[in-house]
C-alpha atoms as a PDB file:
ATOM      1  CA  MET A   1      68.168 -14.177  33.510  1.00  0.00           C
ATOM      2  CA  SER A   2      65.731 -16.488  34.213  1.00  0.00           C
ATOM      3  CA  SER A   3      63.034 -13.943  34.397  1.00  0.00           C
ATOM      4  CA  LEU A   4      64.224 -12.258  31.151  1.00  0.00           C
ATOM      5  CA  ARG A   5      64.091 -15.367  29.311  1.00  0.00           C
ATOM      6  CA  ILE A   6      60.739 -16.788  31.043  1.00  0.00           C
ATOM      7  CA  LEU A   7      59.160 -13.359  30.029  1.00  0.00           C
ATOM      8  CA  GLY A   8      60.925 -13.588  26.398  1.00  0.00           C
ATOM      9  CA  LEU A   9      58.998 -17.228  26.288  1.00  0.00           C
ATOM     10  CA  PHE A  10      55.669 -15.897  27.431  1.00  0.00           C
ATOM     11  CA  MET A  11      56.006 -12.933  24.902  1.00  0.00           C
ATOM     12  CA  GLY A  12      56.439 -15.405  21.822  1.00  0.00           C
ATOM     13  CA  ILE A  13      53.867 -17.384  22.825  1.00  0.00           C
ATOM     14  CA  VAL A  14      51.304 -14.922  23.051  1.00  0.00           C
ATOM     15  CA  PHE A  15      52.985 -13.487  19.542  1.00  0.00           C
ATOM     16  CA  MET A  16      52.608 -16.809  18.025  1.00  0.00           C
ATOM     17  CA  ALA A  17      48.972 -17.074  19.620  1.00  0.00           C
ATOM     18  CA  ALA A  18      47.981 -13.666  17.933  1.00  0.00           C
ATOM     19  CA  CYS A  19      48.913 -14.490  14.397  1.00  0.00           C
ATOM     20  CA  GLY A  20      45.883 -16.665  13.681  1.00  0.00           C
ATOM     21  CA  ASP A  21      42.905 -16.984  11.788  1.00  0.00           C
ATOM     22  CA  ASP A  22      41.804 -13.932  10.009  1.00  0.00           C
ATOM     23  CA  VAL A  23      39.423 -11.681  11.106  1.00  0.00           C
ATOM     24  CA  VAL A  24      36.113 -12.407   9.415  1.00  0.00           C
ATOM     25  CA  VAL A  25      33.544  -9.651   9.493  1.00  0.00           C
ATOM     26  CA  LYS A  26      30.214 -10.785  10.116  1.00  0.00           C
ATOM     27  CA  PRO A  27      27.415  -9.473   7.831  1.00  0.00           C
ATOM     28  CA  GLU A  28      24.915  -6.690   8.782  1.00  0.00           C
ATOM     29  CA  ALA A  29      22.241  -8.278  10.810  1.00  0.00           C
ATOM     30  CA  LYS A  30      18.269  -7.127   9.601  1.00  0.00           C
ATOM     31  CA  LEU A  31      15.472  -6.705  12.061  1.00  0.00           C
ATOM     32  CA  ARG A  32      12.656  -9.582  11.488  1.00  0.00           C
ATOM     33  CA  LEU A  33       9.173  -8.109  12.232  1.00  0.00           C
ATOM     34  CA  GLN A  34       6.672 -10.677  11.637  1.00  0.00           C
ATOM     35  CA  TYR A  35       2.996  -9.729  11.413  1.00  0.00           C
ATOM     36  CA  PRO A  36       0.050 -11.665  11.723  1.00  0.00           C
ATOM     37  CA  ALA A  37      -1.624 -12.978   8.046  1.00  0.00           C
ATOM     38  CA  PRO A  38      -4.405 -10.000   6.722  1.00  0.00           C
ATOM     39  CA  SER A  39      -7.997 -10.492   7.396  1.00  0.00           C
ATOM     40  CA  TYR A  40     -10.232  -8.174   5.681  1.00  0.00           C
ATOM     41  CA  ILE A  41     -13.345  -6.572   6.331  1.00  0.00           C
ATOM     42  CA  LYS A  42     -15.320  -4.416   4.203  1.00  0.00           C
ATOM     43  CA  VAL A  43     -15.738  -0.925   5.155  1.00  0.00           C
ATOM     44  CA  ASN A  44     -19.299   0.388   4.513  1.00  0.00           C
ATOM     45  CA  ASP A  45     -20.208   3.386   5.692  1.00  0.00           C
ATOM     46  CA  SER A  46     -21.793   6.731   4.286  1.00  0.00           C
ATOM     47  CA  CYS A  47     -19.247   7.694   1.897  1.00  0.00           C
ATOM     48  CA  PRO A  48     -20.016   7.356  -1.491  1.00  0.00           C
ATOM     49  CA  PHE A  49     -17.278   4.358  -1.972  1.00  0.00           C
ATOM     50  CA  ASP A  50     -16.674   0.869  -0.045  1.00  0.00           C
ATOM     51  CA  PHE A  51     -13.261  -1.073  -0.032  1.00  0.00           C
ATOM     52  CA  GLU A  52     -12.175  -3.557   2.508  1.00  0.00           C
ATOM     53  CA  ARG A  53      -9.332  -3.050   5.477  1.00  0.00           C
ATOM     54  CA  ASN A  54      -7.234  -5.255   7.332  1.00  0.00           C
ATOM     55  CA  GLU A  55      -8.641  -5.963  10.775  1.00  0.00           C
ATOM     56  CA  MET A  56      -5.769  -4.782  12.158  1.00  0.00           C
ATOM     57  CA  SER A  57      -6.318  -0.926  11.445  1.00  0.00           C
ATOM     58  CA  GLU A  58      -8.396   1.354  13.140  1.00  0.00           C
ATOM     59  CA  VAL A  59     -10.958   3.199  11.218  1.00  0.00           C
ATOM     60  CA  GLU A  60     -11.194   7.003  11.876  1.00  0.00           C
ATOM     61  CA  LEU A  61     -13.545   8.717   9.947  1.00  0.00           C
ATOM     62  CA  ARG A  62     -13.032  12.491   9.093  1.00  0.00           C
ATOM     63  CA  PRO A  63     -14.958  14.986   7.631  1.00  0.00           C
ATOM     64  CA  ASN A  64     -15.615  15.273   3.683  1.00  0.00           C
ATOM     65  CA  CYS A  65     -15.602  11.211   3.741  1.00  0.00           C
ATOM     66  CA  ALA A  66     -11.562  11.556   4.399  1.00  0.00           C
ATOM     67  CA  ILE A  67     -10.856   8.205   6.309  1.00  0.00           C
ATOM     68  CA  ASN A  68      -7.388   6.895   8.283  1.00  0.00           C
ATOM     69  CA  LEU A  69      -6.720   3.682   8.664  1.00  0.00           C
ATOM     70  CA  ASN A  70      -4.288   3.454  11.849  1.00  0.00           C
ATOM     71  CA  TYR A  71      -2.135   0.723  12.598  1.00  0.00           C
ATOM     72  CA  PRO A  72      -1.156   1.331  16.058  1.00  0.00           C
ATOM     73  CA  ARG A  73       1.368  -2.156  16.295  1.00  0.00           C
ATOM     74  CA  MET A  74       3.224   0.099  13.183  1.00  0.00           C
ATOM     75  CA  LYS A  75       2.647   3.225  14.094  1.00  0.00           C
ATOM     76  CA  ALA A  76       1.344   4.206  10.695  1.00  0.00           C
ATOM     77  CA  THR A  77      -1.689   5.521   9.189  1.00  0.00           C
ATOM     78  CA  VAL A  78      -2.935   5.009   5.666  1.00  0.00           C
ATOM     79  CA  TYR A  79      -4.711   8.520   4.760  1.00  0.00           C
ATOM     80  CA  LEU A  80      -7.833   8.432   2.558  1.00  0.00           C
ATOM     81  CA  THR A  81      -9.142  11.591   0.629  1.00  0.00           C
ATOM     82  CA  TYR A  82     -12.016  11.712  -1.195  1.00  0.00           C
ATOM     83  CA  ARG A  83     -13.153  14.241  -4.089  1.00  0.00           C
ATOM     84  CA  GLU A  84     -16.155  14.230  -6.239  1.00  0.00           C
ATOM     85  CA  VAL A  85     -15.305  14.904 -10.217  1.00  0.00           C
ATOM     86  CA  GLN A  86     -16.879  17.979 -11.321  1.00  0.00           C
ATOM     87  CA  ASP A  87     -14.954  18.917 -14.890  1.00  0.00           C
ATOM     88  CA  ASN A  88     -11.569  18.868 -12.801  1.00  0.00           C
ATOM     89  CA  LEU A  89     -10.137  15.125 -13.596  1.00  0.00           C
ATOM     90  CA  ASN A  90      -7.347  16.655 -14.733  1.00  0.00           C
ATOM     91  CA  SER A  91      -6.567  18.652 -11.893  1.00  0.00           C
ATOM     92  CA  LEU A  92      -7.003  15.989  -9.584  1.00  0.00           C
ATOM     93  CA  LEU A  93      -4.970  13.848 -11.708  1.00  0.00           C
ATOM     94  CA  SER A  94      -2.132  15.992 -11.560  1.00  0.00           C
ATOM     95  CA  ASP A  95      -2.084  17.036  -7.943  1.00  0.00           C
ATOM     96  CA  ALA A  96      -2.139  13.123  -6.904  1.00  0.00           C
ATOM     97  CA  GLN A  97       0.807  12.787  -9.462  1.00  0.00           C
ATOM     98  CA  LYS A  98       2.829  15.676  -7.868  1.00  0.00           C
ATOM     99  CA  LEU A  99       2.234  14.651  -4.456  1.00  0.00           C
ATOM    100  CA  THR A 100       3.912  11.694  -5.475  1.00  0.00           C
ATOM    101  CA  TYR A 101       6.978  13.057  -7.094  1.00  0.00           C
ATOM    102  CA  ASP A 102       7.455  15.740  -4.825  1.00  0.00           C
ATOM    103  CA  HIS A 103       9.107  12.984  -2.980  1.00  0.00           C
ATOM    104  CA  THR A 104      12.008  12.263  -5.440  1.00  0.00           C
ATOM    105  CA  ILE A 105      14.408  14.328  -3.053  1.00  0.00           C
ATOM    106  CA  LYS A 106      14.434  11.771  -0.904  1.00  0.00           C
ATOM    107  CA  ALA A 107      13.414   8.410  -2.785  1.00  0.00           C
ATOM    108  CA  ASN A 108      15.731   6.098  -4.451  1.00  0.00           C
ATOM    109  CA  GLU A 109      13.321   5.113  -6.703  1.00  0.00           C
ATOM    110  CA  ILE A 110       9.259   4.907  -7.590  1.00  0.00           C
ATOM    111  CA  PHE A 111       7.477   2.403  -9.279  1.00  0.00           C
ATOM    112  CA  GLU A 112       4.271   2.831 -10.768  1.00  0.00           C
ATOM    113  CA  GLN A 113       1.723  -0.025 -11.034  1.00  0.00           C
ATOM    114  CA  PRO A 114      -1.473   0.974 -12.709  1.00  0.00           C
ATOM    115  CA  ARG A 115      -4.951  -0.393 -12.194  1.00  0.00           C
ATOM    116  CA  VAL A 116      -7.701  -0.951 -14.508  1.00  0.00           C
ATOM    117  CA  ASP A 117     -10.995  -2.599 -13.487  1.00  0.00           C
ATOM    118  CA  SER A 118     -13.464  -1.794 -15.992  1.00  0.00           C
ATOM    119  CA  ILE A 119     -16.063  -4.321 -14.730  1.00  0.00           C
ATOM    120  CA  HIS A 120     -16.251  -1.920 -11.670  1.00  0.00           C
ATOM    121  CA  LYS A 121     -14.945   1.175 -13.290  1.00  0.00           C
ATOM    122  CA  VAL A 122     -12.003   1.827 -11.092  1.00  0.00           C
ATOM    123  CA  TYR A 123      -8.941   3.151 -12.671  1.00  0.00           C
ATOM    124  CA  GLY A 124      -5.832   4.373 -10.789  1.00  0.00           C
ATOM    125  CA  MET A 125      -2.009   4.270 -10.502  1.00  0.00           C
ATOM    126  CA  PHE A 126      -0.482   2.717  -7.373  1.00  0.00           C
ATOM    127  CA  TYR A 127       3.014   4.236  -6.075  1.00  0.00           C
ATOM    128  CA  MET A 128       5.945   2.398  -4.580  1.00  0.00           C
ATOM    129  CA  ILE A 129       8.370   5.142  -3.324  1.00  0.00           C
ATOM    130  CA  ASN A 130      11.847   3.381  -1.943  1.00  0.00           C
ATOM    131  CA  GLY A 131      14.092   5.164   0.265  1.00  0.00           C
ATOM    132  CA  ASP A 132      14.146   7.433   2.926  1.00  0.00           C
ATOM    133  CA  ALA A 133      10.875   9.872   1.967  1.00  0.00           C
ATOM    134  CA  ALA A 134       7.958  10.796   3.876  1.00  0.00           C
ATOM    135  CA  THR A 135       6.053   8.296   2.570  1.00  0.00           C
ATOM    136  CA  GLN A 136       6.721   4.874   0.632  1.00  0.00           C
ATOM    137  CA  SER A 137       3.384   4.005  -1.111  1.00  0.00           C
ATOM    138  CA  GLN A 138       0.464   6.516  -2.374  1.00  0.00           C
ATOM    139  CA  PHE A 139      -2.422   5.787  -4.868  1.00  0.00           C
ATOM    140  CA  TYR A 140      -5.218   7.222  -6.485  1.00  0.00           C
ATOM    141  CA  ALA A 141      -8.419   5.825  -7.925  1.00  0.00           C
ATOM    142  CA  THR A 142     -11.093   6.850 -10.065  1.00  0.00           C
ATOM    143  CA  ASP A 143     -14.185   6.149 -12.108  1.00  0.00           C
ATOM    144  CA  SER A 144     -13.111   8.821 -14.263  1.00  0.00           C
ATOM    145  CA  VAL A 145     -16.752  10.364 -14.173  1.00  0.00           C
ATOM    146  CA  LYS A 146     -17.848  11.443 -10.469  1.00  0.00           C
ATOM    147  CA  HIS A 147     -15.694   9.627  -7.743  1.00  0.00           C
ATOM    148  CA  PHE A 148     -11.755  10.138  -6.870  1.00  0.00           C
ATOM    149  CA  VAL A 149     -10.207   8.709  -4.079  1.00  0.00           C
ATOM    150  CA  THR A 150      -6.078   9.128  -3.008  1.00  0.00           C
ATOM    151  CA  GLY A 151      -4.105   7.235  -0.487  1.00  0.00           C
ATOM    152  CA  SER A 152      -0.878   8.049   1.259  1.00  0.00           C
ATOM    153  CA  LEU A 153       1.012   5.971   3.703  1.00  0.00           C
ATOM    154  CA  TYR A 154       3.040   7.537   6.783  1.00  0.00           C
ATOM    155  CA  PHE A 155       4.422   6.326   9.565  1.00  0.00           C
ATOM    156  CA  ASN A 156       5.300   8.222  12.738  1.00  0.00           C
ATOM    157  CA  SER A 157       8.749   8.299  13.091  1.00  0.00           C
ATOM    158  CA  LYS A 158      11.668   9.581  10.907  1.00  0.00           C
ATOM    159  CA  PRO A 159      12.080   7.593   7.804  1.00  0.00           C
ATOM    160  CA  ASN A 160      14.738   5.135   7.368  1.00  0.00           C
ATOM    161  CA  PHE A 161      13.451   2.609   4.875  1.00  0.00           C
ATOM    162  CA  ASP A 162      15.980  -0.044   6.017  1.00  0.00           C
ATOM    163  CA  SER A 163      14.055  -0.769   9.148  1.00  0.00           C
ATOM    164  CA  ILE A 164      10.569  -0.097   8.566  1.00  0.00           C
ATOM    165  CA  TYR A 165      10.742  -1.962   5.213  1.00  0.00           C
ATOM    166  CA  PRO A 166       8.697  -5.253   6.424  1.00  0.00           C
ATOM    167  CA  ALA A 167       6.145  -3.171   7.750  1.00  0.00           C
ATOM    168  CA  VAL A 168       6.261  -1.224   4.330  1.00  0.00           C
ATOM    169  CA  VAL A 169       5.971  -4.343   2.804  1.00  0.00           C
ATOM    170  CA  TYR A 170       2.748  -5.766   4.620  1.00  0.00           C
ATOM    171  CA  LEU A 171       0.773  -2.136   4.055  1.00  0.00           C
ATOM    172  CA  ARG A 172       1.902  -1.923   0.641  1.00  0.00           C
ATOM    173  CA  ASP A 173      -0.085  -4.921   0.095  1.00  0.00           C
ATOM    174  CA  ASP A 174      -3.163  -3.697   2.388  1.00  0.00           C
ATOM    175  CA  ILE A 175      -3.296  -0.419  -0.058  1.00  0.00           C
ATOM    176  CA  ARG A 176      -3.750  -3.122  -2.871  1.00  0.00           C
ATOM    177  CA  ARG A 177      -6.170  -4.754  -1.470  1.00  0.00           C
ATOM    178  CA  ILE A 178      -8.065  -0.835  -0.767  1.00  0.00           C
ATOM    179  CA  MET A 179      -7.939  -0.589  -4.433  1.00  0.00           C
ATOM    180  CA  GLU A 180      -8.667  -3.619  -5.481  1.00  0.00           C
ATOM    181  CA  THR A 181     -11.555  -3.797  -3.924  1.00  0.00           C
ATOM    182  CA  ILE A 182     -13.329  -0.022  -4.047  1.00  0.00           C
ATOM    183  CA  THR A 183     -16.519   0.051  -5.350  1.00  0.00           C
ATOM    184  CA  TRP A 184     -18.391   2.812  -6.328  1.00  0.00           C
ATOM    185  CA  LYS A 185     -21.794   3.901  -4.646  1.00  0.00           C
END
């Protein structure tokens, strides 16, 4: 009887100890990625346009003035494509807009930021695509007469917007810098 009483006392203590504080759910942790402050240098090659790029990117020149800016640390690439305007501006604009809005299936939202630089004759649109779309940023820039450049950001991984968000923000600033520094030759 004594051992039964000790067992009952032990169970009572365990039961009372278990009825303590409420369980508090911890907030979901976010991955904190930090990148160095960008430093920009001018890309000046045989193409009919110049711009500034982040020194962290590696330039890969392709045929027909296509330029890939590779970011190995982020496993990302900004693809730039050049087209000459030859009475096809409406078609080029339509294609650039269609390419962006084809991502609405996976995108949560698409924000547009127009670019108007009448001094350097650079006009365009910057698109920020939020969500698990294949690309998170795209743009086009033109002088409306002779030159047309498009750019798209892609990561070399399955799109998971929450995971790549810090890199997306960093690279969106780089893409804005490209658009702001384009000059036509």
